[in-house]
PDB file of N, CA and C in Angstrom:
ATOM      1  N   MET A   1     100.237 119.603 101.214  1.00  0.00           N
ATOM      2  CA  MET A   1     100.009 119.603  99.816  1.00  0.00           C
ATOM      3  C   MET A   1     101.147 119.082  99.068  1.00  0.00           C
ATOM      4  N   ILE A   2     100.827 117.940  98.240  1.00  0.00           N
ATOM      5  CA  ILE A   2     101.648 117.550  97.349  1.00  0.00           C
ATOM      6  C   ILE A   2     101.644 118.246  95.986  1.00  0.00           C
ATOM      7  N   ARG A   3     102.630 118.964  95.558  1.00  0.00           N
ATOM      8  CA  ARG A   3     102.641 119.625  94.362  1.00  0.00           C
ATOM      9  C   ARG A   3     103.605 118.800  93.175  1.00  0.00           C
ATOM     10  N   LYS A   4     104.475 118.010  93.722  1.00  0.00           N
ATOM     11  CA  LYS A   4     105.427 117.383  92.616  1.00  0.00           C
ATOM     12  C   LYS A   4     105.873 115.926  93.335  1.00  0.00           C
ATOM     13  N   ILE A   5     105.844 115.143  92.442  1.00  0.00           N
ATOM     14  CA  ILE A   5     106.251 113.858  92.902  1.00  0.00           C
ATOM     15  C   ILE A   5     107.223 113.328  91.799  1.00  0.00           C
ATOM     16  N   LYS A   6     108.180 112.289  92.296  1.00  0.00           N
ATOM     17  CA  LYS A   6     108.948 111.585  91.455  1.00  0.00           C
ATOM     18  C   LYS A   6     109.307 110.255  91.868  1.00  0.00           C
ATOM     19  N   VAL A   7     109.042 109.396  90.996  1.00  0.00           N
ATOM     20  CA  VAL A   7     108.971 107.965  91.358  1.00  0.00           C
ATOM     21  C   VAL A   7     110.221 107.266  90.677  1.00  0.00           C
ATOM     22  N   CYS A   8     110.946 106.385  91.451  1.00  0.00           N
ATOM     23  CA  CYS A   8     112.051 105.763  90.918  1.00  0.00           C
ATOM     24  C   CYS A   8     111.979 104.226  91.259  1.00  0.00           C
ATOM     25  N   THR A   9     112.801 103.561  90.795  1.00  0.00           N
ATOM     26  CA  THR A   9     113.042 101.990  91.165  1.00  0.00           C
ATOM     27  C   THR A   9     113.471 101.936  92.580  1.00  0.00           C
ATOM     28  N   ALA A  10     113.115 100.789  93.034  1.00  0.00           N
ATOM     29  CA  ALA A  10     113.767 100.296  94.462  1.00  0.00           C
ATOM     30  C   ALA A  10     115.159 100.375  94.742  1.00  0.00           C
ATOM     31  N   GLY A  11     115.840 100.187  93.500  1.00  0.00           N
ATOM     32  CA  GLY A  11     117.198 100.112  93.450  1.00  0.00           C
ATOM     33  C   GLY A  11     118.120 101.368  93.472  1.00  0.00           C
ATOM     34  N   GLU A  12     117.217 102.458  93.252  1.00  0.00           N
ATOM     35  CA  GLU A  12     117.901 103.711  93.453  1.00  0.00           C
ATOM     36  C   GLU A  12     117.598 104.435  94.973  1.00  0.00           C
ATOM     37  N   HIS A  13     118.747 104.974  95.398  1.00  0.00           N
ATOM     38  CA  HIS A  13     118.608 105.475  96.675  1.00  0.00           C
ATOM     39  C   HIS A  13     117.914 106.861  96.706  1.00  0.00           C
ATOM     40  N   ASP A  14     116.999 107.086  97.549  1.00  0.00           N
ATOM     41  CA  ASP A  14     116.227 108.313  97.525  1.00  0.00           C
ATOM     42  C   ASP A  14     117.069 109.661  97.752  1.00  0.00           C
ATOM     43  N   THR A  15     118.105 109.518  98.161  1.00  0.00           N
ATOM     44  CA  THR A  15     119.135 110.817  98.436  1.00  0.00           C
ATOM     45  C   THR A  15     119.475 111.258  96.990  1.00  0.00           C
ATOM     46  N   LEU A  16     119.355 110.642  95.843  1.00  0.00           N
ATOM     47  CA  LEU A  16     119.589 110.979  94.547  1.00  0.00           C
ATOM     48  C   LEU A  16     118.677 111.965  94.121  1.00  0.00           C
ATOM     49  N   HIS A  17     117.407 111.817  94.752  1.00  0.00           N
ATOM     50  CA  HIS A  17     116.285 112.860  94.217  1.00  0.00           C
ATOM     51  C   HIS A  17     115.885 114.062  95.109  1.00  0.00           C
ATOM     52  N   LEU A  18     116.827 114.511  95.809  1.00  0.00           N
ATOM     53  CA  LEU A  18     116.552 115.787  96.573  1.00  0.00           C
ATOM     54  C   LEU A  18     116.137 117.007  95.484  1.00  0.00           C
ATOM     55  N   ASP A  19     116.569 117.032  94.348  1.00  0.00           N
ATOM     56  CA  ASP A  19     116.267 117.985  93.493  1.00  0.00           C
ATOM     57  C   ASP A  19     114.827 118.320  93.142  1.00  0.00           C
ATOM     58  N   VAL A  20     113.934 117.308  93.400  1.00  0.00           N
ATOM     59  CA  VAL A  20     112.450 117.293  93.484  1.00  0.00           C
ATOM     60  C   VAL A  20     111.897 118.281  94.341  1.00  0.00           C
ATOM     61  N   LEU A  21     112.687 118.838  95.457  1.00  0.00           N
ATOM     62  CA  LEU A  21     112.187 119.766  96.241  1.00  0.00           C
ATOM     63  C   LEU A  21     111.669 120.990  95.670  1.00  0.00           C
ATOM     64  N   ALA A  22     110.221 121.192  95.858  1.00  0.00           N
ATOM     65  CA  ALA A  22     109.595 122.448  95.144  1.00  0.00           C
ATOM     66  C   ALA A  22     110.025 123.783  95.791  1.00  0.00           C
ATOM     67  N   PRO A  23     110.353 124.730  95.197  1.00  0.00           N
ATOM     68  CA  PRO A  23     110.831 125.891  95.701  1.00  0.00           C
ATOM     69  C   PRO A  23     109.483 126.877  96.155  1.00  0.00           C
ATOM     70  N   CYS A  24     108.421 126.281  95.762  1.00  0.00           N
ATOM     71  CA  CYS A  24     107.258 126.935  96.226  1.00  0.00           C
ATOM     72  C   CYS A  24     106.526 126.547  97.488  1.00  0.00           C
ATOM     73  N   ASN A  25     107.252 125.273  97.927  1.00  0.00           N
ATOM     74  CA  ASN A  25     106.815 124.918  99.269  1.00  0.00           C
ATOM     75  C   ASN A  25     106.704 126.059 100.397  1.00  0.00           C
ATOM     76  N   ILE A  26     105.617 125.882 101.111  1.00  0.00           N
ATOM     77  CA  ILE A  26     105.131 126.820 102.417  1.00  0.00           C
ATOM     78  C   ILE A  26     106.429 126.700 103.309  1.00  0.00           C
ATOM     79  N   SER A  27     106.636 125.342 103.578  1.00  0.00           N
ATOM     80  CA  SER A  27     107.885 124.911 104.485  1.00  0.00           C
ATOM     81  C   SER A  27     108.915 124.943 103.778  1.00  0.00           C
ATOM     82  N   ARG A  28     110.094 125.547 104.506  1.00  0.00           N
ATOM     83  CA  ARG A  28     111.291 125.697 103.718  1.00  0.00           C
ATOM     84  C   ARG A  28     112.155 124.623 104.729  1.00  0.00           C
ATOM     85  N   ASN A  29     111.825 123.715 105.250  1.00  0.00           N
ATOM     86  CA  ASN A  29     112.553 122.820 106.239  1.00  0.00           C
ATOM     87  C   ASN A  29     112.768 121.385 105.462  1.00  0.00           C
ATOM     88  N   VAL A  30     113.767 120.663 105.757  1.00  0.00           N
ATOM     89  CA  VAL A  30     114.288 119.553 105.146  1.00  0.00           C
ATOM     90  C   VAL A  30     114.354 118.522 106.359  1.00  0.00           C
ATOM     91  N   TYR A  31     113.658 117.642 106.684  1.00  0.00           N
ATOM     92  CA  TYR A  31     113.984 116.588 107.683  1.00  0.00           C
ATOM     93  C   TYR A  31     114.271 115.312 107.058  1.00  0.00           C
ATOM     94  N   THR A  32     115.534 114.983 107.313  1.00  0.00           N
ATOM     95  CA  THR A  32     116.021 113.702 106.829  1.00  0.00           C
ATOM     96  C   THR A  32     116.767 112.878 107.686  1.00  0.00           C
ATOM     97  N   ASP A  33     116.886 111.515 107.315  1.00  0.00           N
ATOM     98  CA  ASP A  33     117.616 110.824 108.200  1.00  0.00           C
ATOM     99  C   ASP A  33     119.091 110.752 107.957  1.00  0.00           C
ATOM    100  N   LYS A  34     119.873 109.865 108.550  1.00  0.00           N
ATOM    101  CA  LYS A  34     121.413 109.868 108.669  1.00  0.00           C
ATOM    102  C   LYS A  34     121.981 109.602 107.244  1.00  0.00           C
ATOM    103  N   GLY A  35     121.123 109.045 106.359  1.00  0.00           N
ATOM    104  CA  GLY A  35     121.839 108.497 104.786  1.00  0.00           C
ATOM    105  C   GLY A  35     121.860 109.784 104.023  1.00  0.00           C
ATOM    106  N   TYR A  36     121.374 111.054 104.578  1.00  0.00           N
ATOM    107  CA  TYR A  36     121.525 112.088 103.561  1.00  0.00           C
ATOM    108  C   TYR A  36     122.617 113.129 104.066  1.00  0.00           C
ATOM    109  N   VAL A  37     123.371 112.822 105.006  1.00  0.00           N
ATOM    110  CA  VAL A  37     124.455 113.502 105.464  1.00  0.00           C
ATOM    111  C   VAL A  37     125.623 113.670 104.184  1.00  0.00           C
ATOM    112  N   ASN A  38     125.752 114.906 103.720  1.00  0.00           N
ATOM    113  CA  ASN A  38     126.688 115.073 102.567  1.00  0.00           C
ATOM    114  C   ASN A  38     126.936 116.652 102.493  1.00  0.00           C
ATOM    115  N   GLY A  39     128.106 116.999 102.784  1.00  0.00           N
ATOM    116  CA  GLY A  39     128.505 118.455 102.923  1.00  0.00           C
ATOM    117  C   GLY A  39     128.026 119.062 101.645  1.00  0.00           C
ATOM    118  N   LYS A  40     128.469 118.658 100.283  1.00  0.00           N
ATOM    119  CA  LYS A  40     127.996 119.559  99.155  1.00  0.00           C
ATOM    120  C   LYS A  40     126.515 119.640  99.001  1.00  0.00           C
ATOM    121  N   ARG A  41     125.660 118.504  99.289  1.00  0.00           N
ATOM    122  CA  ARG A  41     124.378 118.492  99.236  1.00  0.00           C
ATOM    123  C   ARG A  41     123.682 119.476 100.184  1.00  0.00           C
ATOM    124  N   GLU A  42     124.093 119.462 101.494  1.00  0.00           N
ATOM    125  CA  GLU A  42     123.693 120.450 102.512  1.00  0.00           C
ATOM    126  C   GLU A  42     124.063 121.867 102.190  1.00  0.00           C
ATOM    127  N   ALA A  43     125.384 122.082 101.607  1.00  0.00           N
ATOM    128  CA  ALA A  43     125.623 123.450 101.296  1.00  0.00           C
ATOM    129  C   ALA A  43     124.589 124.001 100.069  1.00  0.00           C
ATOM    130  N   ARG A  44     124.436 123.168  99.121  1.00  0.00           N
ATOM    131  CA  ARG A  44     123.631 123.579  97.950  1.00  0.00           C
ATOM    132  C   ARG A  44     122.196 123.948  98.453  1.00  0.00           C
ATOM    133  N   LEU A  45     121.526 122.867  99.224  1.00  0.00           N
ATOM    134  CA  LEU A  45     120.087 123.249  99.918  1.00  0.00           C
ATOM    135  C   LEU A  45     120.023 124.344 100.745  1.00  0.00           C
ATOM    136  N   LYS A  46     120.974 124.678 101.483  1.00  0.00           N
ATOM    137  CA  LYS A  46     121.214 125.736 102.425  1.00  0.00           C
ATOM    138  C   LYS A  46     121.370 126.991 101.536  1.00  0.00           C
ATOM    139  N   ALA A  47     122.114 127.102 100.602  1.00  0.00           N
ATOM    140  CA  ALA A  47     122.045 128.169  99.521  1.00  0.00           C
ATOM    141  C   ALA A  47     120.806 128.568  98.882  1.00  0.00           C
ATOM    142  N   GLU A  48     120.038 127.462  98.774  1.00  0.00           N
ATOM    143  CA  GLU A  48     118.827 127.573  98.003  1.00  0.00           C
ATOM    144  C   GLU A  48     117.538 128.062  99.038  1.00  0.00           C
ATOM    145  N   GLY A  49     118.226 128.140 100.426  1.00  0.00           N
ATOM    146  CA  GLY A  49     117.111 128.643 101.377  1.00  0.00           C
ATOM    147  C   GLY A  49     116.541 127.623 102.234  1.00  0.00           C
ATOM    148  N   TRP A  50     116.734 126.407 102.242  1.00  0.00           N
ATOM    149  CA  TRP A  50     116.390 125.103 102.915  1.00  0.00           C
ATOM    150  C   TRP A  50     116.866 125.091 104.024  1.00  0.00           C
ATOM    151  N   GLY A  51     116.006 124.977 105.213  1.00  0.00           N
ATOM    152  CA  GLY A  51     116.407 124.814 106.516  1.00  0.00           C
ATOM    153  C   GLY A  51     116.729 123.335 106.751  1.00  0.00           C
ATOM    154  N   MET A  52     117.829 122.964 106.851  1.00  0.00           N
ATOM    155  CA  MET A  52     118.534 121.710 107.057  1.00  0.00           C
ATOM    156  C   MET A  52     118.351 121.180 108.647  1.00  0.00           C
ATOM    157  N   HIS A  53     117.577 119.963 108.487  1.00  0.00           N
ATOM    158  CA  HIS A  53     117.358 119.290 109.677  1.00  0.00           C
ATOM    159  C   HIS A  53     117.609 117.786 109.565  1.00  0.00           C
ATOM    160  N   ILE A  54     119.139 117.536 109.308  1.00  0.00           N
ATOM    161  CA  ILE A  54     119.534 116.209 109.178  1.00  0.00           C
ATOM    162  C   ILE A  54     120.131 115.635 110.462  1.00  0.00           C
ATOM    163  N   GLN A  55     119.706 114.363 110.571  1.00  0.00           N
ATOM    164  CA  GLN A  55     120.305 113.582 111.774  1.00  0.00           C
ATOM    165  C   GLN A  55     121.852 113.451 111.310  1.00  0.00           C
ATOM    166  N   ARG A  56     122.466 113.394 112.499  1.00  0.00           N
ATOM    167  CA  ARG A  56     123.887 113.014 112.341  1.00  0.00           C
ATOM    168  C   ARG A  56     124.162 111.675 112.645  1.00  0.00           C
ATOM    169  N   LYS A  57     125.248 111.166 112.123  1.00  0.00           N
ATOM    170  CA  LYS A  57     125.544 109.608 112.517  1.00  0.00           C
ATOM    171  C   LYS A  57     127.002 109.625 112.971  1.00  0.00           C
ATOM    172  N   GLY A  58     127.065 108.744 113.950  1.00  0.00           N
ATOM    173  CA  GLY A  58     128.394 108.701 114.503  1.00  0.00           C
ATOM    174  C   GLY A  58     129.110 107.442 113.884  1.00  0.00           C
ATOM    175  N   SER A  59     130.188 106.977 114.547  1.00  0.00           N
ATOM    176  CA  SER A  59     131.115 106.030 113.935  1.00  0.00           C
ATOM    177  C   SER A  59     131.657 105.401 115.225  1.00  0.00           C
ATOM    178  N   LYS A  60     132.209 104.152 114.935  1.00  0.00           N
ATOM    179  CA  LYS A  60     132.922 103.396 115.777  1.00  0.00           C
ATOM    180  C   LYS A  60     134.007 104.334 116.564  1.00  0.00           C
ATOM    181  N   GLU A  61     134.904 105.065 115.744  1.00  0.00           N
ATOM    182  CA  GLU A  61     135.912 105.958 115.967  1.00  0.00           C
ATOM    183  C   GLU A  61     135.472 107.102 116.877  1.00  0.00           C
ATOM    184  N   LYS A  62     134.385 107.505 116.433  1.00  0.00           N
ATOM    185  CA  LYS A  62     133.845 108.858 116.809  1.00  0.00           C
ATOM    186  C   LYS A  62     132.326 108.812 116.962  1.00  0.00           C
ATOM    187  N   PRO A  63     131.907 108.232 118.227  1.00  0.00           N
ATOM    188  CA  PRO A  63     130.448 108.058 118.573  1.00  0.00           C
ATOM    189  C   PRO A  63     129.776 109.548 118.733  1.00  0.00           C
ATOM    190  N   LEU A  64     128.608 109.594 118.697  1.00  0.00           N
ATOM    191  CA  LEU A  64     127.782 110.890 119.052  1.00  0.00           C
ATOM    192  C   LEU A  64     127.788 111.329 120.240  1.00  0.00           C
ATOM    193  N   SER A  65     127.872 112.488 120.520  1.00  0.00           N
ATOM    194  CA  SER A  65     127.845 113.102 121.817  1.00  0.00           C
ATOM    195  C   SER A  65     126.374 113.046 122.430  1.00  0.00           C
ATOM    196  N   GLU A  66     126.291 113.274 123.753  1.00  0.00           N
ATOM    197  CA  GLU A  66     124.860 113.178 123.993  1.00  0.00           C
ATOM    198  C   GLU A  66     123.812 114.132 123.575  1.00  0.00           C
ATOM    199  N   ALA A  67     124.361 115.270 123.304  1.00  0.00           N
ATOM    200  CA  ALA A  67     123.658 116.386 122.436  1.00  0.00           C
ATOM    201  C   ALA A  67     123.347 116.046 121.193  1.00  0.00           C
ATOM    202  N   GLN A  68     124.285 115.331 120.415  1.00  0.00           N
ATOM    203  CA  GLN A  68     123.771 115.005 119.009  1.00  0.00           C
ATOM    204  C   GLN A  68     122.711 113.887 119.133  1.00  0.00           C
ATOM    205  N   GLU A  69     122.871 112.896 120.217  1.00  0.00           N
ATOM    206  CA  GLU A  69     121.789 111.828 120.315  1.00  0.00           C
ATOM    207  C   GLU A  69     120.497 112.681 120.635  1.00  0.00           C
ATOM    208  N   ARG A  70     120.404 113.686 121.532  1.00  0.00           N
ATOM    209  CA  ARG A  70     119.235 114.259 121.882  1.00  0.00           C
ATOM    210  C   ARG A  70     118.627 115.062 120.534  1.00  0.00           C
ATOM    211  N   ARG A  71     119.583 115.576 119.849  1.00  0.00           N
ATOM    212  CA  ARG A  71     119.096 116.265 118.785  1.00  0.00           C
ATOM    213  C   ARG A  71     118.541 115.305 117.642  1.00  0.00           C
ATOM    214  N   ASN A  72     119.104 114.272 117.554  1.00  0.00           N
ATOM    215  CA  ASN A  72     118.645 113.226 116.478  1.00  0.00           C
ATOM    216  C   ASN A  72     117.148 112.637 117.040  1.00  0.00           C
ATOM    217  N   ARG A  73     116.842 112.625 118.047  1.00  0.00           N
ATOM    218  CA  ARG A  73     115.674 112.200 118.830  1.00  0.00           C
ATOM    219  C   ARG A  73     114.730 113.227 118.585  1.00  0.00           C
ATOM    220  N   ARG A  74     114.924 114.628 118.659  1.00  0.00           N
ATOM    221  CA  ARG A  74     114.250 115.490 118.528  1.00  0.00           C
ATOM    222  C   ARG A  74     113.833 115.633 117.064  1.00  0.00           C
ATOM    223  N   LEU A  75     114.857 115.319 116.045  1.00  0.00           N
ATOM    224  CA  LEU A  75     114.192 115.645 114.558  1.00  0.00           C
ATOM    225  C   LEU A  75     113.494 114.240 114.091  1.00  0.00           C
ATOM    226  N   ALA A  76     113.676 113.149 114.802  1.00  0.00           N
ATOM    227  CA  ALA A  76     113.098 112.088 114.311  1.00  0.00           C
ATOM    228  C   ALA A  76     111.447 112.011 114.727  1.00  0.00           C
ATOM    229  N   LYS A  77     111.077 112.826 115.465  1.00  0.00           N
ATOM    230  CA  LYS A  77     109.509 113.123 115.872  1.00  0.00           C
ATOM    231  C   LYS A  77     108.869 113.441 114.594  1.00  0.00           C
ATOM    232  N   PRO A  78     109.205 114.606 114.066  1.00  0.00           N
ATOM    233  CA  PRO A  78     108.198 115.024 112.841  1.00  0.00           C
ATOM    234  C   PRO A  78     108.413 113.989 111.704  1.00  0.00           C
ATOM    235  N   ARG A  79     109.683 113.477 111.380  1.00  0.00           N
ATOM    236  CA  ARG A  79     109.686 112.477 110.345  1.00  0.00           C
ATOM    237  C   ARG A  79     108.888 111.241 110.634  1.00  0.00           C
ATOM    238  N   ALA A  80     108.871 110.672 111.983  1.00  0.00           N
ATOM    239  CA  ALA A  80     107.977 109.537 112.104  1.00  0.00           C
ATOM    240  C   ALA A  80     106.475 109.706 111.837  1.00  0.00           C
ATOM    241  N   ARG A  81     106.189 111.105 111.907  1.00  0.00           N
ATOM    242  CA  ARG A  81     104.649 111.367 111.616  1.00  0.00           C
ATOM    243  C   ARG A  81     104.537 110.976 110.071  1.00  0.00           C
ATOM    244  N   VAL A  82     105.305 111.533 109.333  1.00  0.00           N
ATOM    245  CA  VAL A  82     105.297 111.308 107.908  1.00  0.00           C
ATOM    246  C   VAL A  82     105.636 109.767 107.372  1.00  0.00           C
ATOM    247  N   GLU A  83     106.554 109.216 107.914  1.00  0.00           N
ATOM    248  CA  GLU A  83     106.754 107.828 107.656  1.00  0.00           C
ATOM    249  C   GLU A  83     105.701 106.862 108.056  1.00  0.00           C
ATOM    250  N   HIS A  84     104.792 107.291 109.086  1.00  0.00           N
ATOM    251  CA  HIS A  84     103.724 106.304 109.579  1.00  0.00           C
ATOM    252  C   HIS A  84     102.839 106.428 108.259  1.00  0.00           C
ATOM    253  N   VAL A  85     102.520 107.644 107.704  1.00  0.00           N
ATOM    254  CA  VAL A  85     101.647 107.597 106.564  1.00  0.00           C
ATOM    255  C   VAL A  85     101.996 106.793 105.390  1.00  0.00           C
ATOM    256  N   PHE A  86     103.195 106.812 105.014  1.00  0.00           N
ATOM    257  CA  PHE A  86     103.838 106.042 104.057  1.00  0.00           C
ATOM    258  C   PHE A  86     103.702 104.484 104.316  1.00  0.00           C
ATOM    259  N   ALA A  87     104.092 104.182 105.527  1.00  0.00           N
ATOM    260  CA  ALA A  87     103.911 102.850 106.072  1.00  0.00           C
ATOM    261  C   ALA A  87     102.305 102.475 105.766  1.00  0.00           C
ATOM    262  N   GLY A  88     101.255 103.178 106.132  1.00  0.00           N
ATOM    263  CA  GLY A  88      99.849 103.004 105.975  1.00  0.00           C
ATOM    264  C   GLY A  88      99.567 102.466 104.760  1.00  0.00           C
ATOM    265  N   LEU A  89     100.311 103.432 103.735  1.00  0.00           N
ATOM    266  CA  LEU A  89     100.033 103.169 101.975  1.00  0.00           C
ATOM    267  C   LEU A  89     100.661 102.032 101.655  1.00  0.00           C
ATOM    268  N   ALA A  90     101.822 101.670 102.354  1.00  0.00           N
ATOM    269  CA  ALA A  90     102.591 100.364 101.914  1.00  0.00           C
ATOM    270  C   ALA A  90     101.788  99.197 102.417  1.00  0.00           C
ATOM    271  N   GLN A  91     100.793  99.235 103.421  1.00  0.00           N
ATOM    272  CA  GLN A  91     100.154  98.227 104.011  1.00  0.00           C
ATOM    273  C   GLN A  91      98.836  97.851 102.986  1.00  0.00           C
ATOM    274  N   LEU A  92      98.599  98.965 102.311  1.00  0.00           N
ATOM    275  CA  LEU A  92      97.477  98.775 101.286  1.00  0.00           C
ATOM    276  C   LEU A  92      97.925  98.007 100.132  1.00  0.00           C
ATOM    277  N   GLY A  93      99.200  97.717  99.959  1.00  0.00           N
ATOM    278  CA  GLY A  93      99.662  96.740  98.802  1.00  0.00           C
ATOM    279  C   GLY A  93      99.523  97.416  97.407  1.00  0.00           C
ATOM    280  N   GLY A  94      99.418  98.619  97.242  1.00  0.00           N
ATOM    281  CA  GLY A  94      99.280  99.370  95.954  1.00  0.00           C
ATOM    282  C   GLY A  94      97.783  99.609  95.610  1.00  0.00           C
ATOM    283  N   LYS A  95      96.925  99.315  96.482  1.00  0.00           N
ATOM    284  CA  LYS A  95      95.385  99.568  96.041  1.00  0.00           C
ATOM    285  C   LYS A  95      94.994 100.934  96.274  1.00  0.00           C
ATOM    286  N   VAL A  96      95.724 101.775  96.218  1.00  0.00           N
ATOM    287  CA  VAL A  96      95.467 103.180  96.336  1.00  0.00           C
ATOM    288  C   VAL A  96      95.053 103.860  94.691  1.00  0.00           C
TER     289      VAL A  96
END
């Protein structure tokens, strides 16, 4: 159930709006992609009681291990279900 929504311009990165997370949510889990990796943000959300399920990103100098790649794939599954809903809405071209 959607209890709160925040809309921003396309020029703003969505990582700036994690403060919208409602403390009354039944699920206390946050599933995000690699763009959300930030130590301060993760520490704050963890302190607020959120379960952090953030995919990890590798670099040229330090690629992901096999275990990290498996973890990223595992975390991608629930995210994909949600992303497909938004993709369907986007195909409607704002006619909702």
